[in-house]
Protein backbone atom coordinates (compact mmCIF):
# COMPACT_ATOMS: atom_id res chain seq x y z
CA UNK A 1 0.00 0.00 0.00
CA UNK A 2 1.54 3.28 -1.08
CA UNK A 3 0.56 6.75 0.00
CA UNK A 4 -0.08 9.42 -2.50
CA UNK A 5 2.09 12.55 -2.31
CA UNK A 6 -1.00 14.77 -2.40
CA UNK A 7 -2.30 13.28 0.87
CA UNK A 8 0.98 13.95 2.63
CA UNK A 9 0.92 17.54 1.37
CA UNK A 10 -2.64 18.03 2.62
CA UNK A 11 -1.64 16.82 6.09
CA UNK A 12 1.22 19.34 6.24
CA UNK A 13 -1.08 22.14 5.04
CA UNK A 14 -3.67 21.15 7.66
CA UNK A 15 -1.08 21.25 10.46
CA UNK A 16 0.23 24.66 9.31
CA UNK A 17 -3.33 26.08 9.22
CA UNK A 18 -4.07 24.67 12.68
CA UNK A 19 -0.86 26.18 14.10
CA UNK A 20 -1.72 29.55 12.53
CA UNK A 21 -5.17 29.51 14.14
CA UNK A 22 -3.70 28.64 17.54
CA UNK A 23 -1.12 31.43 17.12
CA UNK A 24 -3.83 34.01 16.32
CA UNK A 25 -5.88 32.97 19.37
CA UNK A 26 -2.85 33.21 21.68
CA UNK A 27 -1.82 36.63 20.33
CA UNK A 28 -5.38 37.92 20.74
CA UNK A 29 -5.63 36.82 24.36
CA UNK A 30 -2.19 38.20 25.25
CA UNK A 31 -2.90 41.63 23.73
CA UNK A 32 -6.27 41.92 25.53
CA UNK A 33 -4.55 40.94 28.77
CA UNK A 34 -1.96 43.69 28.24
CA UNK A 35 -4.71 46.30 27.77
CA UNK A 36 -6.44 45.13 30.95
CA UNK A 37 -3.15 45.31 32.83
CA UNK A 38 -2.64 48.90 31.64
CA UNK A 39 -6.12 49.88 32.87
CA UNK A 40 -5.48 48.27 36.27
CA UNK A 41 -2.16 50.11 36.56
CA UNK A 42 -3.85 53.44 35.84
CA UNK A 43 -6.51 52.70 38.47
CA UNK A 44 -3.83 51.99 41.05
CA UNK A 45 -1.94 55.18 40.14
CA UNK A 46 -5.19 57.18 40.41
CA UNK A 47 -5.82 55.83 43.91
CA UNK A 48 -2.25 56.63 44.95
CA UNK A 49 -2.57 60.17 43.54
CA UNK A 50 -5.76 60.74 45.54
CA UNK A 51 -4.16 59.42 48.72
CA UNK A 52 -1.14 61.70 48.18
CA UNK A 53 -3.46 64.71 47.87
CA UNK A 54 -5.36 63.61 50.97
CA UNK A 55 -2.08 63.28 52.87
CA UNK A 56 -1.21 66.79 51.74
CA UNK A 57 -4.41 68.08 53.35
CA UNK A 58 -3.47 66.39 56.64
CA UNK A 59 0.02 67.92 56.50
CA UNK A 60 -1.46 71.37 55.80
CA UNK A 61 -3.93 71.08 58.72
CA UNK A 62 -1.12 70.14 61.13
CA UNK A 63 1.08 72.98 59.92
CA UNK A 64 -1.83 75.45 60.16
CA UNK A 65 -2.51 74.33 63.73
CA UNK A 66 1.17 75.01 64.53
CA UNK A 67 0.90 78.50 62.99
CA UNK A 68 3.06 77.68 59.97
CA UNK A 69 2.19 78.14 56.29
CA UNK A 70 2.92 76.31 53.08
CA UNK A 71 3.41 78.46 49.98
CA UNK A 72 1.43 77.83 46.82
CA UNK A 73 3.49 75.87 44.30
CA UNK A 74 5.49 74.02 46.94
CA UNK A 75 5.94 70.31 46.26
CA UNK A 76 6.58 67.39 48.57
CA UNK A 77 7.73 64.02 47.25
CA UNK A 78 6.70 60.86 49.08
CA UNK A 79 8.42 57.96 47.37
CA UNK A 80 6.97 57.85 43.86
CA UNK A 81 4.05 60.14 44.74
CA UNK A 82 4.07 63.93 44.81
CA UNK A 83 1.93 66.54 46.59
CA UNK A 84 1.68 69.99 45.01
CA UNK A 85 0.12 72.80 47.05
CA UNK A 86 -1.86 74.71 44.42
CA UNK A 87 -3.36 77.29 46.79
CA UNK A 88 -3.67 77.68 50.53
CA UNK A 89 -4.77 80.48 52.87
CA UNK A 90 -2.35 81.95 55.40
CA UNK A 91 -2.08 80.29 58.82
CA UNK A 92 -5.21 80.79 60.92
CA UNK A 93 -7.25 82.30 58.06
CA UNK A 94 -10.32 80.96 56.28
CA UNK A 95 -10.12 79.92 52.65
CA UNK A 96 -9.76 76.94 50.36
CA UNK A 97 -6.80 74.58 50.35
CA UNK A 98 -6.21 73.00 46.94
CA UNK A 99 -3.69 70.18 46.72
CA UNK A 100 -2.82 68.07 43.69
CA UNK A 101 -1.56 64.53 44.15
CA UNK A 102 0.46 62.86 41.41
CA UNK A 103 1.45 59.26 40.91
CA UNK A 104 2.77 58.05 37.58
CA UNK A 105 0.37 59.24 34.88
CA UNK A 106 -2.45 60.02 37.31
CA UNK A 107 -3.29 63.37 38.91
CA UNK A 108 -6.03 64.10 41.44
CA UNK A 109 -6.96 67.38 43.10
CA UNK A 110 -8.49 67.78 46.52
CA UNK A 111 -10.05 71.06 47.65
CA UNK A 112 -10.96 71.67 51.29
CA UNK A 113 -12.79 74.74 52.61
CA UNK A 114 -11.27 75.95 55.89
CA UNK A 115 -13.19 78.04 58.40
CA UNK A 116 -11.71 80.00 61.27
CA UNK A 117 -12.59 78.79 64.76
C-alpha atoms as a PDB file:
ATOM      1  CA  UNK A   1       0.000   0.000   0.000  1.00  0.00           C
ATOM      2  CA  UNK A   2       1.539   3.277  -1.075  1.00  0.00           C
ATOM      3  CA  UNK A   3       0.560   6.750   0.005  1.00  0.00           C
ATOM      4  CA  UNK A   4      -0.079   9.424  -2.502  1.00  0.00           C
ATOM      5  CA  UNK A   5       2.091  12.547  -2.305  1.00  0.00           C
ATOM      6  CA  UNK A   6      -0.999  14.773  -2.403  1.00  0.00           C
ATOM      7  CA  UNK A   7      -2.304  13.282   0.866  1.00  0.00           C
ATOM      8  CA  UNK A   8       0.982  13.949   2.635  1.00  0.00           C
ATOM      9  CA  UNK A   9       0.924  17.538   1.371  1.00  0.00           C
ATOM     10  CA  UNK A  10      -2.638  18.033   2.624  1.00  0.00           C
ATOM     11  CA  UNK A  11      -1.645  16.816   6.087  1.00  0.00           C
ATOM     12  CA  UNK A  12       1.222  19.335   6.241  1.00  0.00           C
ATOM     13  CA  UNK A  13      -1.079  22.137   5.045  1.00  0.00           C
ATOM     14  CA  UNK A  14      -3.667  21.152   7.659  1.00  0.00           C
ATOM     15  CA  UNK A  15      -1.075  21.252  10.458  1.00  0.00           C
ATOM     16  CA  UNK A  16       0.228  24.661   9.311  1.00  0.00           C
ATOM     17  CA  UNK A  17      -3.327  26.082   9.218  1.00  0.00           C
ATOM     18  CA  UNK A  18      -4.070  24.668  12.681  1.00  0.00           C
ATOM     19  CA  UNK A  19      -0.862  26.184  14.100  1.00  0.00           C
ATOM     20  CA  UNK A  20      -1.722  29.546  12.525  1.00  0.00           C
ATOM     21  CA  UNK A  21      -5.174  29.509  14.139  1.00  0.00           C
ATOM     22  CA  UNK A  22      -3.699  28.645  17.544  1.00  0.00           C
ATOM     23  CA  UNK A  23      -1.115  31.430  17.124  1.00  0.00           C
ATOM     24  CA  UNK A  24      -3.831  34.008  16.322  1.00  0.00           C
ATOM     25  CA  UNK A  25      -5.881  32.973  19.367  1.00  0.00           C
ATOM     26  CA  UNK A  26      -2.853  33.209  21.681  1.00  0.00           C
ATOM     27  CA  UNK A  27      -1.817  36.633  20.334  1.00  0.00           C
ATOM     28  CA  UNK A  28      -5.380  37.922  20.742  1.00  0.00           C
ATOM     29  CA  UNK A  29      -5.630  36.815  24.355  1.00  0.00           C
ATOM     30  CA  UNK A  30      -2.185  38.201  25.250  1.00  0.00           C
ATOM     31  CA  UNK A  31      -2.904  41.626  23.734  1.00  0.00           C
ATOM     32  CA  UNK A  32      -6.267  41.923  25.527  1.00  0.00           C
ATOM     33  CA  UNK A  33      -4.549  40.944  28.775  1.00  0.00           C
ATOM     34  CA  UNK A  34      -1.964  43.692  28.240  1.00  0.00           C
ATOM     35  CA  UNK A  35      -4.714  46.296  27.770  1.00  0.00           C
ATOM     36  CA  UNK A  36      -6.439  45.132  30.950  1.00  0.00           C
ATOM     37  CA  UNK A  37      -3.149  45.307  32.829  1.00  0.00           C
ATOM     38  CA  UNK A  38      -2.642  48.897  31.636  1.00  0.00           C
ATOM     39  CA  UNK A  39      -6.119  49.881  32.871  1.00  0.00           C
ATOM     40  CA  UNK A  40      -5.484  48.275  36.265  1.00  0.00           C
ATOM     41  CA  UNK A  41      -2.156  50.112  36.564  1.00  0.00           C
ATOM     42  CA  UNK A  42      -3.852  53.440  35.838  1.00  0.00           C
ATOM     43  CA  UNK A  43      -6.514  52.697  38.467  1.00  0.00           C
ATOM     44  CA  UNK A  44      -3.830  51.994  41.052  1.00  0.00           C
ATOM     45  CA  UNK A  45      -1.941  55.184  40.141  1.00  0.00           C
ATOM     46  CA  UNK A  46      -5.193  57.175  40.409  1.00  0.00           C
ATOM     47  CA  UNK A  47      -5.818  55.833  43.909  1.00  0.00           C
ATOM     48  CA  UNK A  48      -2.246  56.633  44.951  1.00  0.00           C
ATOM     49  CA  UNK A  49      -2.567  60.169  43.544  1.00  0.00           C
ATOM     50  CA  UNK A  50      -5.764  60.736  45.536  1.00  0.00           C
ATOM     51  CA  UNK A  51      -4.159  59.416  48.725  1.00  0.00           C
ATOM     52  CA  UNK A  52      -1.140  61.695  48.182  1.00  0.00           C
ATOM     53  CA  UNK A  53      -3.462  64.710  47.866  1.00  0.00           C
ATOM     54  CA  UNK A  54      -5.362  63.607  50.966  1.00  0.00           C
ATOM     55  CA  UNK A  55      -2.079  63.285  52.867  1.00  0.00           C
ATOM     56  CA  UNK A  56      -1.205  66.793  51.738  1.00  0.00           C
ATOM     57  CA  UNK A  57      -4.405  68.077  53.352  1.00  0.00           C
ATOM     58  CA  UNK A  58      -3.474  66.386  56.638  1.00  0.00           C
ATOM     59  CA  UNK A  59       0.017  67.922  56.503  1.00  0.00           C
ATOM     60  CA  UNK A  60      -1.458  71.375  55.802  1.00  0.00           C
ATOM     61  CA  UNK A  61      -3.926  71.078  58.719  1.00  0.00           C
ATOM     62  CA  UNK A  62      -1.119  70.137  61.131  1.00  0.00           C
ATOM     63  CA  UNK A  63       1.083  72.976  59.919  1.00  0.00           C
ATOM     64  CA  UNK A  64      -1.826  75.448  60.159  1.00  0.00           C
ATOM     65  CA  UNK A  65      -2.507  74.334  63.729  1.00  0.00           C
ATOM     66  CA  UNK A  66       1.175  75.005  64.529  1.00  0.00           C
ATOM     67  CA  UNK A  67       0.904  78.499  62.989  1.00  0.00           C
ATOM     68  CA  UNK A  68       3.063  77.678  59.973  1.00  0.00           C
ATOM     69  CA  UNK A  69       2.193  78.137  56.295  1.00  0.00           C
ATOM     70  CA  UNK A  70       2.919  76.307  53.079  1.00  0.00           C
ATOM     71  CA  UNK A  71       3.406  78.458  49.984  1.00  0.00           C
ATOM     72  CA  UNK A  72       1.434  77.828  46.821  1.00  0.00           C
ATOM     73  CA  UNK A  73       3.486  75.872  44.299  1.00  0.00           C
ATOM     74  CA  UNK A  74       5.485  74.018  46.936  1.00  0.00           C
ATOM     75  CA  UNK A  75       5.936  70.311  46.259  1.00  0.00           C
ATOM     76  CA  UNK A  76       6.577  67.394  48.575  1.00  0.00           C
ATOM     77  CA  UNK A  77       7.726  64.018  47.253  1.00  0.00           C
ATOM     78  CA  UNK A  78       6.700  60.863  49.084  1.00  0.00           C
ATOM     79  CA  UNK A  79       8.419  57.958  47.369  1.00  0.00           C
ATOM     80  CA  UNK A  80       6.972  57.851  43.858  1.00  0.00           C
ATOM     81  CA  UNK A  81       4.051  60.135  44.737  1.00  0.00           C
ATOM     82  CA  UNK A  82       4.073  63.931  44.815  1.00  0.00           C
ATOM     83  CA  UNK A  83       1.928  66.541  46.587  1.00  0.00           C
ATOM     84  CA  UNK A  84       1.676  69.988  45.015  1.00  0.00           C
ATOM     85  CA  UNK A  85       0.118  72.798  47.054  1.00  0.00           C
ATOM     86  CA  UNK A  86      -1.858  74.709  44.416  1.00  0.00           C
ATOM     87  CA  UNK A  87      -3.364  77.286  46.787  1.00  0.00           C
ATOM     88  CA  UNK A  88      -3.667  77.677  50.530  1.00  0.00           C
ATOM     89  CA  UNK A  89      -4.768  80.482  52.872  1.00  0.00           C
ATOM     90  CA  UNK A  90      -2.353  81.948  55.402  1.00  0.00           C
ATOM     91  CA  UNK A  91      -2.085  80.292  58.819  1.00  0.00           C
ATOM     92  CA  UNK A  92      -5.210  80.795  60.917  1.00  0.00           C
ATOM     93  CA  UNK A  93      -7.251  82.303  58.061  1.00  0.00           C
ATOM     94  CA  UNK A  94     -10.323  80.960  56.281  1.00  0.00           C
ATOM     95  CA  UNK A  95     -10.122  79.917  52.654  1.00  0.00           C
ATOM     96  CA  UNK A  96      -9.757  76.944  50.355  1.00  0.00           C
ATOM     97  CA  UNK A  97      -6.800  74.583  50.355  1.00  0.00           C
ATOM     98  CA  UNK A  98      -6.214  72.997  46.943  1.00  0.00           C
ATOM     99  CA  UNK A  99      -3.688  70.180  46.718  1.00  0.00           C
ATOM    100  CA  UNK A 100      -2.823  68.074  43.690  1.00  0.00           C
ATOM    101  CA  UNK A 101      -1.564  64.535  44.148  1.00  0.00           C
ATOM    102  CA  UNK A 102       0.465  62.863  41.411  1.00  0.00           C
ATOM    103  CA  UNK A 103       1.449  59.256  40.913  1.00  0.00           C
ATOM    104  CA  UNK A 104       2.773  58.053  37.580  1.00  0.00           C
ATOM    105  CA  UNK A 105       0.370  59.243  34.879  1.00  0.00           C
ATOM    106  CA  UNK A 106      -2.454  60.023  37.306  1.00  0.00           C
ATOM    107  CA  UNK A 107      -3.289  63.372  38.909  1.00  0.00           C
ATOM    108  CA  UNK A 108      -6.025  64.096  41.440  1.00  0.00           C
ATOM    109  CA  UNK A 109      -6.963  67.381  43.103  1.00  0.00           C
ATOM    110  CA  UNK A 110      -8.490  67.778  46.521  1.00  0.00           C
ATOM    111  CA  UNK A 111     -10.046  71.064  47.647  1.00  0.00           C
ATOM    112  CA  UNK A 112     -10.956  71.668  51.292  1.00  0.00           C
ATOM    113  CA  UNK A 113     -12.787  74.735  52.610  1.00  0.00           C
ATOM    114  CA  UNK A 114     -11.272  75.947  55.888  1.00  0.00           C
ATOM    115  CA  UNK A 115     -13.188  78.043  58.400  1.00  0.00           C
ATOM    116  CA  UNK A 116     -11.715  79.998  61.271  1.00  0.00           C
ATOM    117  CA  UNK A 117     -12.588  78.790  64.757  1.00  0.00           C
END
